Amino acid sequence: MKIIRTTQALRAYREKLEGSVGFVPTMGALHAGHCALVSAAKAQHQHVVVSIFVNPMQFNEAKDLAGYPRTETEDQQLLEGMGASALFLPSVAELYPEGDHYAVDEALLSRDRCGAARPTSPTRCWSEY
């Protein structure tokens, strides 16, 4: 299993592959649900890339981010055993090279989504909305 840490290296890796690629994004601390996703991706694609990225944008409190389990070695071993093709392990600086610049107006985008369930939600939510 190839370990990839930059988006540039991930793009280069993908360009060399023939066939379809299944992508399973995770925040690590892999469990049976993640394994089911990897297995499903393997059944449908010639290659499976799994990412592990603990996204600070998904946490309200710094202590929650700091307390999130990081089990990179165990996760890597599990994925190798499952036959994943590659593991993408980007840093925060790799994915947010200019810092946290994805702030959005909570009133417009998250009040009815994550903001409804998180009363302490900051004035930002996922940039994908």
Protein backbone atom coordinates (compact mmCIF):
# COMPACT_ATOMS: atom_id res chain seq x y z
CA MET A 1 0.00 0.00 0.00
CA LYS A 2 1.38 3.36 -1.03
CA ILE A 3 1.45 6.17 1.56
CA ILE A 4 0.78 9.60 0.05
CA ARG A 5 1.03 12.88 1.95
CA THR A 6 0.54 15.63 -0.64
CA THR A 7 -2.18 16.44 -3.14
CA GLN A 8 0.45 16.71 -5.87
CA ALA A 9 1.66 13.19 -5.11
CA LEU A 10 -1.93 11.94 -5.03
CA ARG A 11 -2.62 13.42 -8.47
CA ALA A 12 0.58 11.87 -9.85
CA TYR A 13 -0.32 8.50 -8.35
CA ARG A 14 -3.82 8.61 -9.86
CA GLU A 15 -2.48 9.50 -13.30
CA LYS A 16 -0.40 6.29 -13.31
CA LEU A 17 -3.31 4.01 -12.42
CA GLU A 18 -5.33 2.17 -15.01
CA GLY A 19 -8.96 1.47 -14.24
CA SER A 20 -11.37 2.94 -11.76
CA VAL A 21 -10.50 4.22 -8.30
CA GLY A 22 -12.76 4.08 -5.26
CA PHE A 23 -12.14 6.80 -2.69
CA VAL A 24 -13.04 6.38 0.98
CA PRO A 25 -12.58 9.60 3.00
CA THR A 26 -12.23 9.14 6.76
CA MET A 27 -10.96 10.88 9.88
CA GLY A 28 -9.16 7.75 11.00
CA ALA A 29 -9.81 5.64 14.09
CA LEU A 30 -11.16 3.10 11.63
CA HIS A 31 -13.97 0.75 12.63
CA ALA A 32 -16.26 -1.85 11.03
CA GLY A 33 -18.24 0.81 9.16
CA HIS A 34 -15.09 2.09 7.47
CA CYS A 35 -14.08 -1.48 6.64
CA ALA A 36 -17.47 -2.05 4.99
CA LEU A 37 -16.90 1.05 2.83
CA VAL A 38 -13.42 -0.13 1.83
CA SER A 39 -14.79 -3.59 1.00
CA ALA A 40 -17.58 -2.07 -1.11
CA ALA A 41 -15.08 0.13 -2.94
CA LYS A 42 -12.84 -2.89 -3.60
CA ALA A 43 -15.80 -4.79 -5.04
CA GLN A 44 -16.57 -1.98 -7.48
CA HIS A 45 -13.14 -0.62 -8.41
CA GLN A 46 -9.72 -1.82 -9.44
CA HIS A 47 -8.03 0.47 -6.88
CA VAL A 48 -9.05 1.88 -3.51
CA VAL A 49 -7.60 5.03 -1.98
CA VAL A 50 -8.47 5.82 1.62
CA SER A 51 -7.83 9.19 3.18
CA ILE A 52 -7.32 9.96 6.83
CA PHE A 53 -7.67 13.62 7.67
CA VAL A 54 -8.84 14.96 11.01
CA ASN A 55 -10.39 18.16 9.75
CA PRO A 56 -10.20 20.98 12.32
CA MET A 57 -13.17 22.65 10.57
CA GLN A 58 -15.41 19.89 11.92
CA PHE A 59 -14.81 20.64 15.59
CA ASN A 60 -16.43 23.33 17.71
CA GLU A 61 -13.96 23.15 20.55
CA ALA A 62 -10.17 22.91 20.42
CA LYS A 63 -10.27 20.30 23.20
CA ASP A 64 -12.52 18.07 21.06
CA LEU A 65 -10.06 18.30 18.18
CA ALA A 66 -7.14 17.59 20.50
CA GLY A 67 -8.98 14.62 22.01
CA TYR A 68 -9.94 13.00 18.72
CA PRO A 69 -8.26 9.56 18.51
CA ARG A 70 -5.32 9.31 16.17
CA THR A 71 -4.53 5.71 15.35
CA GLU A 72 -2.51 6.09 12.16
CA THR A 73 -0.31 3.01 12.65
CA GLU A 74 -3.24 0.72 13.46
CA ASP A 75 -5.34 2.20 10.64
CA GLN A 76 -2.49 1.70 8.18
CA GLN A 77 -2.09 -1.93 9.21
CA LEU A 78 -5.82 -2.56 8.89
CA LEU A 79 -5.97 -1.00 5.42
CA GLU A 80 -2.92 -2.95 4.25
CA GLY A 81 -4.62 -6.14 5.40
CA MET A 82 -7.75 -5.20 3.48
CA GLY A 83 -5.78 -4.60 0.29
CA ALA A 84 -6.23 -0.84 -0.05
CA SER A 85 -4.08 0.53 -2.86
CA ALA A 86 -3.07 3.77 -1.18
CA LEU A 87 -3.50 5.81 1.97
CA PHE A 88 -3.68 9.59 1.65
CA LEU A 89 -2.46 11.26 4.87
CA PRO A 90 -2.42 15.02 4.26
CA SER A 91 -1.51 17.58 6.90
CA VAL A 92 -3.72 20.52 7.77
CA ALA A 93 -1.22 22.82 6.05
CA GLU A 94 -1.42 20.69 2.90
CA LEU A 95 -5.20 21.01 2.62
CA TYR A 96 -5.48 24.55 4.02
CA PRO A 97 -2.27 26.19 2.75
CA GLU A 98 -3.54 29.69 3.46
CA GLY A 99 -5.15 28.84 6.78
CA ASP A 100 -8.82 28.67 7.61
CA HIS A 101 -10.26 30.74 4.78
CA TYR A 102 -13.51 28.86 4.37
CA ALA A 103 -15.57 30.88 6.84
CA VAL A 104 -19.22 31.19 5.93
CA ASP A 105 -22.26 32.89 7.41
CA GLU A 106 -23.87 30.36 9.73
CA ALA A 107 -27.26 32.04 9.45
CA LEU A 108 -27.30 31.34 5.73
CA LEU A 109 -25.83 27.88 5.61
CA SER A 110 -25.77 25.88 8.81
CA ARG A 111 -28.67 26.97 11.01
CA ASP A 112 -30.83 24.22 9.51
CA ARG A 113 -27.95 21.78 9.15
CA CYS A 114 -25.12 21.21 11.63
CA GLY A 115 -25.92 24.46 13.46
CA ALA A 116 -29.34 23.14 14.47
CA ALA A 117 -27.74 20.24 16.34
CA ARG A 118 -24.74 22.16 17.66
CA PRO A 119 -25.82 25.08 19.80
CA THR A 120 -22.19 26.13 20.28
CA SER A 121 -21.52 25.99 16.56
CA PRO A 122 -19.03 28.61 15.42
CA THR A 123 -19.98 30.95 12.61
CA ARG A 124 -18.69 28.53 10.04
CA CYS A 125 -19.58 25.13 8.74
CA TRP A 126 -18.26 22.89 5.99
CA SER A 127 -17.29 24.76 2.87
CA GLU A 128 -19.08 22.16 0.74
CA TYR A 129 -22.56 23.62 1.48
